[in-house]
PDB file of N, CA and C in Angstrom:
ATOM      1  N   UNK A   1     -36.777 -29.740  41.245  1.00  0.00           N
ATOM      2  CA  UNK A   1     -35.897 -28.741  40.695  1.00  0.00           C
ATOM      3  C   UNK A   1     -36.319 -28.252  39.291  1.00  0.00           C
ATOM      4  N   UNK A   2     -36.812 -29.116  38.496  1.00  0.00           N
ATOM      5  CA  UNK A   2     -37.224 -28.695  37.163  1.00  0.00           C
ATOM      6  C   UNK A   2     -38.506 -27.829  37.241  1.00  0.00           C
ATOM      7  N   UNK A   3     -39.334 -28.071  38.260  1.00  0.00           N
ATOM      8  CA  UNK A   3     -40.505 -27.263  38.384  1.00  0.00           C
ATOM      9  C   UNK A   3     -40.190 -25.783  38.647  1.00  0.00           C
ATOM     10  N   UNK A   4     -39.178 -25.587  39.462  1.00  0.00           N
ATOM     11  CA  UNK A   4     -38.761 -24.191  39.756  1.00  0.00           C
ATOM     12  C   UNK A   4     -38.220 -23.487  38.531  1.00  0.00           C
ATOM     13  N   UNK A   5     -37.506 -24.235  37.686  1.00  0.00           N
ATOM     14  CA  UNK A   5     -36.925 -23.666  36.445  1.00  0.00           C
ATOM     15  C   UNK A   5     -38.088 -23.238  35.514  1.00  0.00           C
ATOM     16  N   UNK A   6     -39.138 -24.034  35.489  1.00  0.00           N
ATOM     17  CA  UNK A   6     -40.212 -23.792  34.635  1.00  0.00           C
ATOM     18  C   UNK A   6     -41.012 -22.535  35.101  1.00  0.00           C
ATOM     19  N   UNK A   7     -41.025 -22.281  36.407  1.00  0.00           N
ATOM     20  CA  UNK A   7     -41.755 -21.147  36.914  1.00  0.00           C
ATOM     21  C   UNK A   7     -41.064 -19.804  36.748  1.00  0.00           C
ATOM     22  N   UNK A   8     -39.771 -19.844  36.395  1.00  0.00           N
ATOM     23  CA  UNK A   8     -39.042 -18.599  36.212  1.00  0.00           C
ATOM     24  C   UNK A   8     -39.567 -17.904  34.956  1.00  0.00           C
ATOM     25  N   UNK A   9     -39.707 -16.610  35.120  1.00  0.00           N
ATOM     26  CA  UNK A   9     -40.188 -15.766  33.978  1.00  0.00           C
ATOM     27  C   UNK A   9     -39.064 -14.789  33.634  1.00  0.00           C
ATOM     28  N   UNK A  10     -38.959 -14.485  32.414  1.00  0.00           N
ATOM     29  CA  UNK A  10     -38.010 -13.516  31.939  1.00  0.00           C
ATOM     30  C   UNK A  10     -38.703 -12.148  32.083  1.00  0.00           C
ATOM     31  N   UNK A  11     -38.010 -11.220  32.652  1.00  0.00           N
ATOM     32  CA  UNK A  11     -38.515  -9.865  32.826  1.00  0.00           C
ATOM     33  C   UNK A  11     -37.767  -8.972  31.968  1.00  0.00           C
ATOM     34  N   UNK A  12     -38.357  -7.939  31.332  1.00  0.00           N
ATOM     35  CA  UNK A  12     -37.654  -7.025  30.530  1.00  0.00           C
ATOM     36  C   UNK A  12     -36.693  -6.199  31.383  1.00  0.00           C
ATOM     37  N   UNK A  13     -35.635  -5.683  30.804  1.00  0.00           N
ATOM     38  CA  UNK A  13     -34.662  -4.844  31.463  1.00  0.00           C
ATOM     39  C   UNK A  13     -35.259  -3.575  31.913  1.00  0.00           C
ATOM     40  N   UNK A  14     -35.065  -3.161  33.118  1.00  0.00           N
ATOM     41  CA  UNK A  14     -35.605  -1.959  33.692  1.00  0.00           C
ATOM     42  C   UNK A  14     -34.830  -0.777  33.150  1.00  0.00           C
ATOM     43  N   UNK A  15     -33.568  -0.842  33.197  1.00  0.00           N
ATOM     44  CA  UNK A  15     -32.699   0.259  32.680  1.00  0.00           C
ATOM     45  C   UNK A  15     -32.096  -0.177  31.433  1.00  0.00           C
ATOM     46  N   UNK A  16     -32.441   0.482  30.335  1.00  0.00           N
ATOM     47  CA  UNK A  16     -31.973   0.107  29.056  1.00  0.00           C
ATOM     48  C   UNK A  16     -30.632   0.668  28.653  1.00  0.00           C
ATOM     49  N   UNK A  17     -30.138   1.653  29.405  1.00  0.00           N
ATOM     50  CA  UNK A  17     -28.830   2.207  29.218  1.00  0.00           C
ATOM     51  C   UNK A  17     -27.742   1.268  29.729  1.00  0.00           C
ATOM     52  N   UNK A  18     -26.553   1.319  29.137  1.00  0.00           N
ATOM     53  CA  UNK A  18     -25.588   0.471  29.667  1.00  0.00           C
ATOM     54  C   UNK A  18     -25.120   0.886  31.107  1.00  0.00           C
ATOM     55  N   UNK A  19     -24.612  -0.061  31.816  1.00  0.00           N
ATOM     56  CA  UNK A  19     -24.182   0.195  33.236  1.00  0.00           C
ATOM     57  C   UNK A  19     -22.962   1.015  33.193  1.00  0.00           C
ATOM     58  N   UNK A  20     -22.126   0.905  32.172  1.00  0.00           N
ATOM     59  CA  UNK A  20     -20.854   1.631  32.144  1.00  0.00           C
ATOM     60  C   UNK A  20     -21.113   3.129  32.129  1.00  0.00           C
ATOM     61  N   UNK A  21     -22.116   3.591  31.388  1.00  0.00           N
ATOM     62  CA  UNK A  21     -22.386   5.010  31.295  1.00  0.00           C
ATOM     63  C   UNK A  21     -22.866   5.514  32.703  1.00  0.00           C
ATOM     64  N   UNK A  22     -23.574   4.670  33.452  1.00  0.00           N
ATOM     65  CA  UNK A  22     -24.025   5.042  34.785  1.00  0.00           C
ATOM     66  C   UNK A  22     -22.788   5.206  35.687  1.00  0.00           C
ATOM     67  N   UNK A  23     -21.839   4.259  35.576  1.00  0.00           N
ATOM     68  CA  UNK A  23     -20.712   4.299  36.379  1.00  0.00           C
ATOM     69  C   UNK A  23     -19.811   5.543  36.089  1.00  0.00           C
ATOM     70  N   UNK A  24     -19.730   5.894  34.799  1.00  0.00           N
ATOM     71  CA  UNK A  24     -18.922   7.039  34.364  1.00  0.00           C
ATOM     72  C   UNK A  24     -19.591   8.304  34.977  1.00  0.00           C
ATOM     73  N   UNK A  25     -20.923   8.379  34.950  1.00  0.00           N
ATOM     74  CA  UNK A  25     -21.594   9.502  35.508  1.00  0.00           C
ATOM     75  C   UNK A  25     -21.340   9.678  36.992  1.00  0.00           C
ATOM     76  N   UNK A  26     -21.378   8.556  37.698  1.00  0.00           N
ATOM     77  CA  UNK A  26     -21.131   8.609  39.177  1.00  0.00           C
ATOM     78  C   UNK A  26     -19.684   9.046  39.435  1.00  0.00           C
ATOM     79  N   UNK A  27     -18.741   8.566  38.626  1.00  0.00           N
ATOM     80  CA  UNK A  27     -17.357   9.025  38.819  1.00  0.00           C
ATOM     81  C   UNK A  27     -17.189  10.496  38.533  1.00  0.00           C
ATOM     82  N   UNK A  28     -17.837  10.981  37.464  1.00  0.00           N
ATOM     83  CA  UNK A  28     -17.802  12.408  37.134  1.00  0.00           C
ATOM     84  C   UNK A  28     -18.423  13.242  38.265  1.00  0.00           C
ATOM     85  N   UNK A  29     -19.592  12.728  38.764  1.00  0.00           N
ATOM     86  CA  UNK A  29     -20.189  13.462  39.912  1.00  0.00           C
ATOM     87  C   UNK A  29     -19.294  13.502  41.137  1.00  0.00           C
ATOM     88  N   UNK A  30     -18.673  12.386  41.374  1.00  0.00           N
ATOM     89  CA  UNK A  30     -17.754  12.327  42.540  1.00  0.00           C
ATOM     90  C   UNK A  30     -16.609  13.277  42.337  1.00  0.00           C
ATOM     91  N   UNK A  31     -16.023  13.380  41.176  1.00  0.00           N
ATOM     92  CA  UNK A  31     -14.878  14.234  40.890  1.00  0.00           C
ATOM     93  C   UNK A  31     -15.380  15.709  41.034  1.00  0.00           C
ATOM     94  N   UNK A  32     -16.557  16.021  40.490  1.00  0.00           N
ATOM     95  CA  UNK A  32     -17.067  17.381  40.621  1.00  0.00           C
ATOM     96  C   UNK A  32     -17.310  17.716  42.095  1.00  0.00           C
ATOM     97  N   UNK A  33     -17.861  16.816  42.870  1.00  0.00           N
ATOM     98  CA  UNK A  33     -18.150  17.118  44.295  1.00  0.00           C
ATOM     99  C   UNK A  33     -16.778  17.318  44.989  1.00  0.00           C
ATOM    100  N   UNK A  34     -15.815  16.437  44.724  1.00  0.00           N
ATOM    101  CA  UNK A  34     -14.539  16.598  45.423  1.00  0.00           C
ATOM    102  C   UNK A  34     -13.856  17.873  45.074  1.00  0.00           C
ATOM    103  N   UNK A  35     -13.920  18.236  43.772  1.00  0.00           N
ATOM    104  CA  UNK A  35     -13.278  19.457  43.318  1.00  0.00           C
ATOM    105  C   UNK A  35     -13.943  20.699  43.934  1.00  0.00           C
ATOM    106  N   UNK A  36     -15.251  20.703  43.986  1.00  0.00           N
ATOM    107  CA  UNK A  36     -16.051  21.755  44.592  1.00  0.00           C
ATOM    108  C   UNK A  36     -15.690  21.890  46.082  1.00  0.00           C
ATOM    109  N   UNK A  37     -15.621  20.744  46.775  1.00  0.00           N
ATOM    110  CA  UNK A  37     -15.310  20.776  48.184  1.00  0.00           C
ATOM    111  C   UNK A  37     -13.903  21.328  48.373  1.00  0.00           C
ATOM    112  N   UNK A  38     -12.975  20.894  47.518  1.00  0.00           N
ATOM    113  CA  UNK A  38     -11.570  21.354  47.612  1.00  0.00           C
ATOM    114  C   UNK A  38     -11.570  22.882  47.400  1.00  0.00           C
ATOM    115  N   UNK A  39     -12.225  23.382  46.474  1.00  0.00           N
ATOM    116  CA  UNK A  39     -12.254  24.848  46.114  1.00  0.00           C
ATOM    117  C   UNK A  39     -12.908  25.599  47.315  1.00  0.00           C
ATOM    118  N   UNK A  40     -13.891  25.041  47.965  1.00  0.00           N
ATOM    119  CA  UNK A  40     -14.550  25.736  49.050  1.00  0.00           C
ATOM    120  C   UNK A  40     -13.796  25.713  50.311  1.00  0.00           C
ATOM    121  N   UNK A  41     -12.743  24.860  50.356  1.00  0.00           N
ATOM    122  CA  UNK A  41     -11.951  24.743  51.582  1.00  0.00           C
ATOM    123  C   UNK A  41     -11.180  26.043  51.843  1.00  0.00           C
ATOM    124  N   UNK A  42     -11.202  26.572  53.000  1.00  0.00           N
ATOM    125  CA  UNK A  42     -10.559  27.841  53.340  1.00  0.00           C
ATOM    126  C   UNK A  42      -9.060  27.726  53.251  1.00  0.00           C
ATOM    127  N   UNK A  43      -8.495  26.648  53.650  1.00  0.00           N
ATOM    128  CA  UNK A  43      -7.000  26.466  53.625  1.00  0.00           C
ATOM    129  C   UNK A  43      -6.540  26.476  52.142  1.00  0.00           C
ATOM    130  N   UNK A  44      -7.274  25.787  51.284  1.00  0.00           N
ATOM    131  CA  UNK A  44      -6.883  25.809  49.897  1.00  0.00           C
ATOM    132  C   UNK A  44      -7.056  27.182  49.223  1.00  0.00           C
ATOM    133  N   UNK A  45      -8.083  27.922  49.669  1.00  0.00           N
ATOM    134  CA  UNK A  45      -8.278  29.260  49.124  1.00  0.00           C
ATOM    135  C   UNK A  45      -7.051  30.144  49.624  1.00  0.00           C
ATOM    136  N   UNK A  46      -6.678  29.976  50.890  1.00  0.00           N
ATOM    137  CA  UNK A  46      -5.591  30.768  51.385  1.00  0.00           C
ATOM    138  C   UNK A  46      -4.279  30.410  50.615  1.00  0.00           C
ATOM    139  N   UNK A  47      -4.002  29.131  50.443  1.00  0.00           N
ATOM    140  CA  UNK A  47      -2.794  28.705  49.711  1.00  0.00           C
ATOM    141  C   UNK A  47      -2.832  29.181  48.252  1.00  0.00           C
ATOM    142  N   UNK A  48      -3.969  29.199  47.631  1.00  0.00           N
ATOM    143  CA  UNK A  48      -4.072  29.677  46.305  1.00  0.00           C
ATOM    144  C   UNK A  48      -3.769  31.201  46.194  1.00  0.00           C
ATOM    145  N   UNK A  49      -4.297  31.922  47.128  1.00  0.00           N
ATOM    146  CA  UNK A  49      -4.030  33.379  47.163  1.00  0.00           C
ATOM    147  C   UNK A  49      -2.610  33.642  47.475  1.00  0.00           C
ATOM    148  N   UNK A  50      -2.013  32.888  48.401  1.00  0.00           N
ATOM    149  CA  UNK A  50      -0.639  33.079  48.806  1.00  0.00           C
ATOM    150  C   UNK A  50       0.348  32.756  47.591  1.00  0.00           C
ATOM    151  N   UNK A  51      -0.003  31.684  46.914  1.00  0.00           N
ATOM    152  CA  UNK A  51       0.815  31.337  45.721  1.00  0.00           C
ATOM    153  C   UNK A  51       0.730  32.428  44.656  1.00  0.00           C
ATOM    154  N   UNK A  52      -0.488  32.923  44.366  1.00  0.00           N
ATOM    155  CA  UNK A  52      -0.622  34.021  43.447  1.00  0.00           C
ATOM    156  C   UNK A  52       0.134  35.286  43.854  1.00  0.00           C
ATOM    157  N   UNK A  53       0.078  35.587  45.131  1.00  0.00           N
ATOM    158  CA  UNK A  53       0.824  36.779  45.686  1.00  0.00           C
ATOM    159  C   UNK A  53       2.314  36.525  45.497  1.00  0.00           C
ATOM    160  N   UNK A  54       2.805  35.363  45.811  1.00  0.00           N
ATOM    161  CA  UNK A  54       4.275  35.123  45.661  1.00  0.00           C
ATOM    162  C   UNK A  54       4.625  35.175  44.172  1.00  0.00           C
ATOM    163  N   UNK A  55       3.830  34.643  43.321  1.00  0.00           N
ATOM    164  CA  UNK A  55       4.119  34.716  41.867  1.00  0.00           C
ATOM    165  C   UNK A  55       4.207  36.165  41.380  1.00  0.00           C
ATOM    166  N   UNK A  56       3.264  37.029  41.921  1.00  0.00           N
ATOM    167  CA  UNK A  56       3.323  38.436  41.478  1.00  0.00           C
ATOM    168  C   UNK A  56       4.504  39.122  42.039  1.00  0.00           C
ATOM    169  N   UNK A  57       4.913  38.811  43.298  1.00  0.00           N
ATOM    170  CA  UNK A  57       6.142  39.392  43.867  1.00  0.00           C
ATOM    171  C   UNK A  57       7.384  38.957  43.082  1.00  0.00           C
ATOM    172  N   UNK A  58       7.397  37.651  42.699  1.00  0.00           N
ATOM    173  CA  UNK A  58       8.585  37.135  41.874  1.00  0.00           C
ATOM    174  C   UNK A  58       8.588  37.825  40.514  1.00  0.00           C
ATOM    175  N   UNK A  59       7.460  38.035  39.932  1.00  0.00           N
ATOM    176  CA  UNK A  59       7.414  38.654  38.603  1.00  0.00           C
ATOM    177  C   UNK A  59       7.909  40.147  38.754  1.00  0.00           C
ATOM    178  N   UNK A  60       7.452  40.837  39.821  1.00  0.00           N
ATOM    179  CA  UNK A  60       7.883  42.177  40.028  1.00  0.00           C
ATOM    180  C   UNK A  60       9.384  42.328  40.302  1.00  0.00           C
ATOM    181  N   UNK A  61       9.922  41.348  41.063  1.00  0.00           N
ATOM    182  CA  UNK A  61      11.347  41.332  41.277  1.00  0.00           C
ATOM    183  C   UNK A  61      12.148  41.078  39.954  1.00  0.00           C
ATOM    184  N   UNK A  62      11.585  40.188  39.118  1.00  0.00           N
ATOM    185  CA  UNK A  62      12.282  39.941  37.854  1.00  0.00           C
ATOM    186  C   UNK A  62      12.224  41.107  36.919  1.00  0.00           C
ATOM    187  N   UNK A  63      11.127  41.870  36.939  1.00  0.00           N
ATOM    188  CA  UNK A  63      10.989  43.067  36.174  1.00  0.00           C
ATOM    189  C   UNK A  63      11.955  44.143  36.602  1.00  0.00           C
ATOM    190  N   UNK A  64      12.058  44.313  37.926  1.00  0.00           N
ATOM    191  CA  UNK A  64      13.054  45.248  38.462  1.00  0.00           C
ATOM    192  C   UNK A  64      14.473  44.857  38.087  1.00  0.00           C
ATOM    193  N   UNK A  65      14.770  43.566  38.157  1.00  0.00           N
ATOM    194  CA  UNK A  65      16.087  43.115  37.794  1.00  0.00           C
ATOM    195  C   UNK A  65      16.464  43.330  36.395  1.00  0.00           C
ATOM    196  N   UNK A  66      15.460  43.260  35.496  1.00  0.00           N
ATOM    197  CA  UNK A  66      15.659  43.471  34.077  1.00  0.00           C
ATOM    198  C   UNK A  66      15.888  44.932  33.800  1.00  0.00           C
ATOM    199  N   UNK A  67      15.189  45.819  34.581  1.00  0.00           N
ATOM    200  CA  UNK A  67      15.330  47.235  34.417  1.00  0.00           C
ATOM    201  C   UNK A  67      16.688  47.729  34.794  1.00  0.00           C
ATOM    202  N   UNK A  68      17.270  47.126  35.854  1.00  0.00           N
ATOM    203  CA  UNK A  68      18.566  47.580  36.338  1.00  0.00           C
ATOM    204  C   UNK A  68      19.681  47.085  35.452  1.00  0.00           C
ATOM    205  N   UNK A  69      19.491  45.998  34.726  1.00  0.00           N
ATOM    206  CA  UNK A  69      20.473  45.502  33.828  1.00  0.00           C
ATOM    207  C   UNK A  69      20.581  46.277  32.525  1.00  0.00           C
TER     208      UNK A  69
END
């Protein structure tokens, strides 16, 4: 057993950057990929356009209501 311990050699670290930074980068990349995929989804694009259209209609109705008052 002691012979095996003596044969072990210390090797220098291959990656000198901390592992935490690497994990943060992968999380950021995952979030970016997920967000891009979500924005490229046709259903989400339709819902976004629909919500914007409804918001404009509601704003127009509120403007007309203020004009009549």
